[in-house]
Protein backbone atom coordinates (compact mmCIF):
# COMPACT_ATOMS: atom_id res chain seq x y z
CA MET A 1 0.01 -0.11 -0.02
CA THR A 2 1.35 3.36 -1.05
CA ARG A 3 0.29 7.08 -0.94
CA GLU A 4 1.11 9.31 -3.84
CA PHE A 5 0.94 13.04 -4.15
CA THR A 6 2.46 16.08 -5.99
CA ILE A 7 3.98 19.11 -4.45
CA VAL A 8 4.63 22.30 -6.40
CA VAL A 9 7.53 24.40 -5.00
CA PRO A 10 5.94 27.82 -4.29
CA ALA A 11 7.20 31.03 -5.98
CA GLY A 12 9.91 32.86 -4.02
CA LYS A 13 11.09 29.55 -2.34
CA LYS A 14 14.88 29.84 -1.52
CA PRO A 15 17.18 26.96 -2.54
CA GLU A 16 16.89 24.02 -0.11
CA ARG A 17 17.98 20.40 -0.28
CA ILE A 18 15.04 18.35 -1.40
CA ASP A 19 15.32 15.87 1.42
CA GLN A 20 15.05 18.71 3.95
CA PHE A 21 12.16 20.28 1.94
CA LEU A 22 10.18 17.06 1.80
CA THR A 23 10.74 16.31 5.50
CA HIS A 24 8.96 19.68 6.36
CA HIS A 25 6.26 19.38 3.83
CA VAL A 26 5.15 15.69 3.88
CA GLU A 27 2.95 14.56 6.67
CA ASN A 28 4.49 11.90 9.01
CA ALA A 29 7.77 11.83 7.08
CA THR A 30 11.26 11.50 8.53
CA ARG A 31 14.36 12.50 6.87
CA ASN A 32 15.66 8.89 6.54
CA LYS A 33 12.30 7.82 5.00
CA VAL A 34 12.51 10.67 2.55
CA GLN A 35 16.20 9.98 1.54
CA ARG A 36 15.38 6.31 1.09
CA ALA A 37 12.53 7.27 -1.23
CA ILE A 38 14.80 9.61 -3.22
CA ARG A 39 17.36 6.94 -3.63
CA THR A 40 14.93 4.37 -4.87
CA GLY A 41 13.36 6.65 -7.45
CA ALA A 42 10.14 7.15 -5.43
CA VAL A 43 10.66 10.90 -5.69
CA LEU A 44 10.59 12.56 -9.16
CA VAL A 45 11.22 16.24 -9.93
CA ASN A 46 9.62 17.34 -13.17
CA GLY A 47 9.42 13.51 -14.01
CA ARG A 48 13.16 12.84 -13.47
CA ARG A 49 15.05 11.16 -10.57
CA VAL A 50 17.36 13.38 -8.41
CA ARG A 51 19.90 13.12 -5.58
CA CYS A 52 19.18 14.00 -2.01
CA SER A 53 21.32 17.07 -2.48
CA HIS A 54 19.11 18.47 -5.22
CA GLN A 55 18.21 22.07 -4.56
CA VAL A 56 14.53 22.71 -5.03
CA ALA A 57 13.44 25.78 -7.19
CA PRO A 58 10.23 27.68 -7.60
CA GLY A 59 7.85 25.96 -9.91
CA GLU A 60 9.28 22.49 -9.73
CA GLU A 61 6.72 19.63 -9.66
CA ILE A 62 7.76 16.97 -7.17
CA HIS A 63 5.89 13.57 -7.27
CA VAL A 64 6.26 11.45 -4.25
CA THR A 65 5.25 7.90 -3.65
CA LEU A 66 5.63 6.60 -0.02
CA PRO A 67 4.62 3.35 1.66
CA LYS A 68 1.78 3.52 4.13
CA PRO A 69 2.78 2.73 7.68
CA PRO A 70 1.42 -0.65 9.00
CA VAL A 71 -1.84 -0.59 10.98
CA HIS A 72 -1.71 -1.70 14.59
CA ASP A 73 -4.47 -2.19 17.07
CA ALA A 74 -4.82 0.71 19.54
CA LEU A 75 -3.96 -0.08 23.11
CA ALA A 76 -5.81 0.89 26.27
CA GLU A 77 -4.02 3.46 28.47
CA GLU A 78 -4.92 4.92 31.77
CA ILE A 79 -5.40 8.58 30.82
CA PRO A 80 -7.83 10.87 32.58
CA LEU A 81 -11.01 11.80 30.64
CA GLU A 82 -13.59 14.41 31.16
CA ILE A 83 -16.89 12.61 30.48
CA VAL A 84 -19.79 14.99 29.80
CA HIS A 85 -22.34 12.27 29.17
CA GLU A 86 -22.29 8.45 28.84
CA ASP A 87 -25.04 5.93 28.29
CA GLU A 88 -25.28 2.54 26.75
CA ARG A 89 -24.98 3.79 23.10
CA LEU A 90 -22.44 6.64 23.24
CA ILE A 91 -20.08 8.93 25.15
CA VAL A 92 -19.66 12.71 24.87
CA VAL A 93 -16.16 13.63 25.99
CA ASN A 94 -14.48 17.04 26.50
CA LYS A 95 -11.16 16.59 24.74
CA PRO A 96 -8.36 18.84 26.11
CA ALA A 97 -6.07 20.82 23.90
CA GLY A 98 -2.81 18.84 23.14
CA MET A 99 -4.46 15.45 22.89
CA VAL A 100 -4.53 13.59 19.51
CA THR A 101 -7.84 12.13 18.68
CA HIS A 102 -6.65 8.61 17.56
CA PRO A 103 -3.36 6.76 17.06
CA ALA A 104 -1.50 7.38 13.80
CA TYR A 105 2.08 7.22 12.58
CA GLY A 106 4.23 9.25 15.13
CA ASN A 107 1.35 9.29 17.77
CA MET A 108 0.59 5.67 18.64
CA SER A 109 -0.06 6.41 22.31
CA GLY A 110 -1.42 9.10 24.63
CA THR A 111 -4.45 9.67 22.35
CA LEU A 112 -8.16 10.01 23.06
CA VAL A 113 -8.71 6.43 21.72
CA ASN A 114 -6.10 5.04 24.07
CA ALA A 115 -7.92 6.72 26.94
CA LEU A 116 -11.35 5.60 25.80
CA LEU A 117 -10.23 1.92 25.48
CA PHE A 118 -9.18 1.96 29.11
CA HIS A 119 -12.37 3.66 30.16
CA CYS A 120 -14.77 1.50 28.09
CA ASN A 121 -14.15 -1.95 26.63
CA ARG A 122 -16.96 -1.66 24.11
CA LEU A 123 -16.58 0.79 21.29
CA SER A 124 -17.75 0.63 17.68
CA SER A 125 -15.56 -1.04 15.14
CA LEU A 126 -16.64 0.65 11.87
CA ASN A 127 -13.48 2.84 11.63
CA GLY A 128 -11.07 -0.02 12.22
CA PRO A 129 -8.64 -1.00 14.99
CA THR A 130 -6.98 2.42 15.39
CA ARG A 131 -10.10 4.50 15.44
CA PRO A 132 -12.72 2.51 17.51
CA GLY A 133 -15.75 4.56 18.30
CA ILE A 134 -14.44 7.70 16.52
CA VAL A 135 -17.27 9.30 14.59
CA HIS A 136 -15.54 12.75 14.03
CA ARG A 137 -12.28 14.34 15.03
CA LEU A 138 -10.87 17.64 16.43
CA ASP A 139 -7.44 18.88 15.75
CA LYS A 140 -4.73 18.07 18.41
CA ASP A 141 -4.66 21.68 19.73
CA THR A 142 -8.37 22.32 19.48
CA SER A 143 -10.28 21.56 22.68
CA GLY A 144 -13.93 20.64 23.08
CA LEU A 145 -16.81 18.17 22.71
CA MET A 146 -16.64 14.99 20.77
CA VAL A 147 -19.23 12.15 20.30
CA VAL A 148 -18.01 8.54 20.57
CA ALA A 149 -19.98 5.56 19.54
CA LYS A 150 -20.13 2.42 21.62
CA ASP A 151 -21.65 0.19 18.94
CA ASP A 152 -21.70 -0.02 15.10
CA GLU A 153 -25.43 0.85 14.85
CA ALA A 154 -25.04 4.02 16.90
CA HIS A 155 -21.91 4.87 15.02
CA ALA A 156 -23.71 4.50 11.55
CA HIS A 157 -26.68 6.59 12.92
CA LEU A 158 -24.42 9.48 13.95
CA ALA A 159 -22.28 9.21 10.86
CA ARG A 160 -25.30 9.75 8.73
CA GLN A 161 -26.20 12.92 10.70
CA PHE A 162 -22.65 14.23 10.15
CA SER A 163 -22.99 13.33 6.39
CA ARG A 164 -26.34 15.13 6.16
CA ARG A 165 -25.02 18.10 8.02
CA THR A 166 -27.74 17.86 10.69
CA ILE A 167 -25.36 17.84 13.62
CA ASP A 168 -25.47 21.05 15.57
CA ARG A 169 -21.93 22.13 16.34
CA GLU A 170 -20.85 25.52 17.88
CA TYR A 171 -17.30 26.68 18.27
CA TRP A 172 -15.94 29.69 20.23
CA ALA A 173 -12.73 31.36 19.06
CA ILE A 174 -10.63 34.33 19.94
CA VAL A 175 -9.43 35.81 16.67
CA TRP A 176 -7.34 38.67 15.46
CA GLY A 177 -8.94 41.90 14.46
CA GLN A 178 -12.35 43.78 14.43
CA PHE A 179 -15.37 42.70 12.38
CA ARG A 180 -17.47 45.34 10.71
CA GLN A 181 -20.51 43.10 10.63
CA GLN A 182 -22.14 41.46 13.62
CA SER A 183 -22.52 38.19 11.72
CA GLY A 184 -21.53 36.67 8.29
CA THR A 185 -20.82 33.60 6.23
CA ILE A 186 -17.40 32.50 4.82
CA GLU A 187 -17.68 30.30 1.67
CA ALA A 188 -14.41 29.15 0.17
CA GLU A 189 -13.38 25.85 -1.36
CA LEU A 190 -10.73 23.95 0.62
CA ALA A 191 -8.09 21.43 -0.43
CA ARG A 192 -4.68 20.23 0.67
CA SER A 193 -1.97 22.81 -0.03
CA ARG A 194 0.09 21.84 -3.04
CA SER A 195 3.20 23.44 -1.53
CA ASP A 196 2.70 22.05 2.07
CA ARG A 197 0.93 18.73 2.50
CA LYS A 198 0.59 19.36 6.19
CA LYS A 199 -1.64 22.38 5.49
CA MET A 200 -5.03 22.97 4.00
CA ALA A 201 -5.70 25.98 1.75
CA VAL A 202 -8.43 27.81 -0.14
CA VAL A 203 -8.27 26.32 -3.54
CA ALA A 204 -10.55 26.97 -6.53
CA GLY A 205 -12.04 23.57 -7.41
CA GLY A 206 -11.51 22.22 -3.82
CA LYS A 207 -14.32 20.88 -1.63
CA PRO A 208 -17.10 23.19 -0.75
CA ALA A 209 -16.84 24.66 2.79
CA ILE A 210 -19.19 26.99 4.54
CA THR A 211 -18.59 28.72 8.09
CA GLN A 212 -20.98 30.96 9.72
CA TYR A 213 -19.89 33.41 12.42
CA ALA A 214 -21.38 35.79 14.93
CA VAL A 215 -19.61 38.28 17.09
CA LEU A 216 -19.99 37.58 20.86
CA GLU A 217 -17.57 40.24 22.25
CA ARG A 218 -15.35 42.94 20.89
CA PHE A 219 -11.98 44.02 22.27
CA GLU A 220 -9.43 46.48 21.08
CA TYR A 221 -7.84 44.31 18.47
CA LEU A 222 -9.30 40.80 19.11
CA THR A 223 -12.72 39.46 18.85
CA LEU A 224 -14.62 36.59 20.54
CA LEU A 225 -16.61 34.65 17.87
CA GLN A 226 -19.15 32.01 17.78
CA LEU A 227 -18.80 29.76 14.83
CA LYS A 228 -20.95 27.13 13.16
CA LEU A 229 -20.03 24.65 10.51
CA LYS A 230 -22.20 23.89 7.60
CA THR A 231 -19.51 21.53 6.34
CA GLY A 232 -16.81 19.60 8.15
CA ARG A 233 -13.50 20.01 6.30
CA THR A 234 -10.04 19.57 7.84
CA HIS A 235 -8.89 22.81 9.61
CA GLN A 236 -12.10 24.51 8.13
CA ILE A 237 -12.49 27.21 10.77
CA ARG A 238 -8.79 27.95 10.98
CA VAL A 239 -8.24 28.21 7.20
CA HIS A 240 -11.37 30.22 6.64
CA LEU A 241 -10.67 32.79 9.35
CA SER A 242 -7.04 33.15 8.12
CA HIS A 243 -8.34 33.46 4.54
CA ILE A 244 -10.37 36.68 5.57
CA ASN A 245 -7.39 38.04 7.47
CA HIS A 246 -8.78 37.27 11.02
CA PRO A 247 -6.62 34.19 11.96
CA VAL A 248 -7.44 32.37 15.25
CA PHE A 249 -5.21 33.85 18.00
CA GLY A 250 -2.24 31.59 18.70
CA ASP A 251 -2.72 29.36 15.54
CA PRO A 252 0.86 28.29 14.69
CA ILE A 253 -0.02 27.12 11.20
CA TYR A 254 -2.41 29.71 9.83
CA GLY A 255 -0.94 32.98 10.92
CA GLY A 256 -2.33 33.36 14.46
CA ARG A 257 1.00 33.81 16.25
CA ARG A 258 1.97 36.86 14.17
CA ILE A 259 0.80 40.26 15.48
CA ALA A 260 -1.26 41.31 12.50
CA TRP A 261 -3.78 43.69 14.16
CA GLY A 262 -2.70 46.42 16.71
CA PRO A 263 -1.30 46.66 19.32
CA ARG A 264 0.32 50.02 19.06
CA THR A 265 2.39 50.51 22.15
CA ALA A 266 5.50 48.50 23.31
CA ARG A 267 3.69 47.72 26.51
CA GLN A 268 0.71 46.28 24.56
CA ARG A 269 3.06 44.26 22.30
CA SER A 270 4.83 42.88 25.30
CA GLU A 271 1.59 41.79 26.88
CA VAL A 272 0.38 40.09 23.66
CA GLN A 273 3.69 38.28 23.40
CA GLU A 274 3.29 37.10 26.99
CA MET A 275 -0.18 35.82 26.17
CA LEU A 276 1.10 33.99 23.15
CA ARG A 277 3.42 32.33 25.37
CA ASP A 278 0.71 31.39 27.80
CA LEU A 279 -1.50 30.08 25.00
CA PRO A 280 0.78 27.97 22.76
CA ARG A 281 -2.06 26.76 20.63
CA GLN A 282 -5.08 28.12 18.63
CA ALA A 283 -7.80 29.72 20.87
CA LEU A 284 -10.47 27.52 19.41
CA HIS A 285 -12.99 25.44 21.48
CA ALA A 286 -15.87 23.09 20.31
CA LYS A 287 -18.34 24.34 22.86
CA THR A 288 -21.53 22.51 21.95
CA VAL A 289 -22.71 19.46 20.16
CA GLY A 290 -26.26 18.56 19.37
CA PHE A 291 -27.74 15.54 17.51
CA VAL A 292 -30.56 13.03 17.53
CA HIS A 293 -29.79 10.29 19.91
CA PRO A 294 -29.44 6.92 18.14
CA GLY A 295 -31.29 5.18 21.02
CA SER A 296 -34.09 7.38 21.98
CA GLY A 297 -34.55 9.10 18.71
CA ARG A 298 -34.75 12.51 20.59
CA PRO A 299 -32.75 15.58 19.95
CA VAL A 300 -30.00 16.16 22.63
CA LEU A 301 -27.64 19.14 23.20
CA PHE A 302 -24.46 19.14 25.27
CA ASP A 303 -22.52 22.24 26.35
CA SER A 304 -19.00 22.83 27.90
CA ASP A 305 -17.19 25.59 29.68
CA LEU A 306 -14.28 27.26 27.94
CA PRO A 307 -10.97 25.63 28.93
CA GLU A 308 -8.80 27.41 31.50
CA ASP A 309 -6.32 29.01 29.06
CA MET A 310 -9.08 30.71 26.94
CA ALA A 311 -11.07 31.66 29.97
CA ARG A 312 -7.91 33.29 31.55
CA MET A 313 -7.29 35.17 28.26
CA LEU A 314 -10.88 36.46 28.16
CA SER A 315 -10.67 37.68 31.74
CA LEU A 316 -7.52 39.79 30.85
CA LEU A 317 -9.29 41.08 27.84
CA ARG A 318 -12.40 42.03 29.68
CA ALA A 319 -10.31 43.72 32.37
CA GLY A 320 -8.71 45.82 29.67
CA ARG A 321 -5.25 44.44 30.28
CA LEU A 322 -4.85 43.38 26.68
């Protein structure tokens, strides 16, 4: 089993060894794996084999073929969980920032799945041995509510709701800048970035993606937003907000750790840098989730408090200290 993809070196890219370039731009790739692929001809630049020392140049088309890592059963681990709700069909859990949803290459332990297997020995099998019970995911550094299925029937029932976009999900985010409108809709097609496989990007011809937002609180150069997804694309909220020049505060991938709006004084800039150090992730939380329960057939809605890091930041903003 292999995975294939093409990366186009972006305009303005400075010369860099191809093995270093691919290590930074290919998900789950190590330099040894990349070098082995180059030597065996699994990496082609404009259709030709190259050496590991080849210097990439803007516009070059790099085709990569890499083997998929072997699949292993996830193992149970005694890891604390915040259970918001549990019954015979499902679990609603409040995932902390910093926790990966399920095992994958480079993160085979310490995940939500590892914790769930220790907590509950009965989870759905529809997503295979590494993702038991997982109906949907949150990014590693996004906190908030997730629904986990205990049996295959419940899983299929919930998955249909996600597919039909009838799941009610509400996110809160602290983002850069001021919004002129009180609410709005972002519609921009998304696809994996051709220059960096670890990122998503707004791409014409990509998958349709719709995010609705409403302003909850305004601060001098930051805003607290409520966000609702009409689609569920990878990194959707983060990419959409970055696309309209309001990246999520603290987002290390999509521009949220760069001071793009205000502050004007040296004291304010120092305070922002201190807050960025205190919040080393995107200020994004999946606050509520609502769905039709696969057992009772009735609508249910679950809510969660903001995590400590975001709540602390809001307290400072409300006190006028930022």
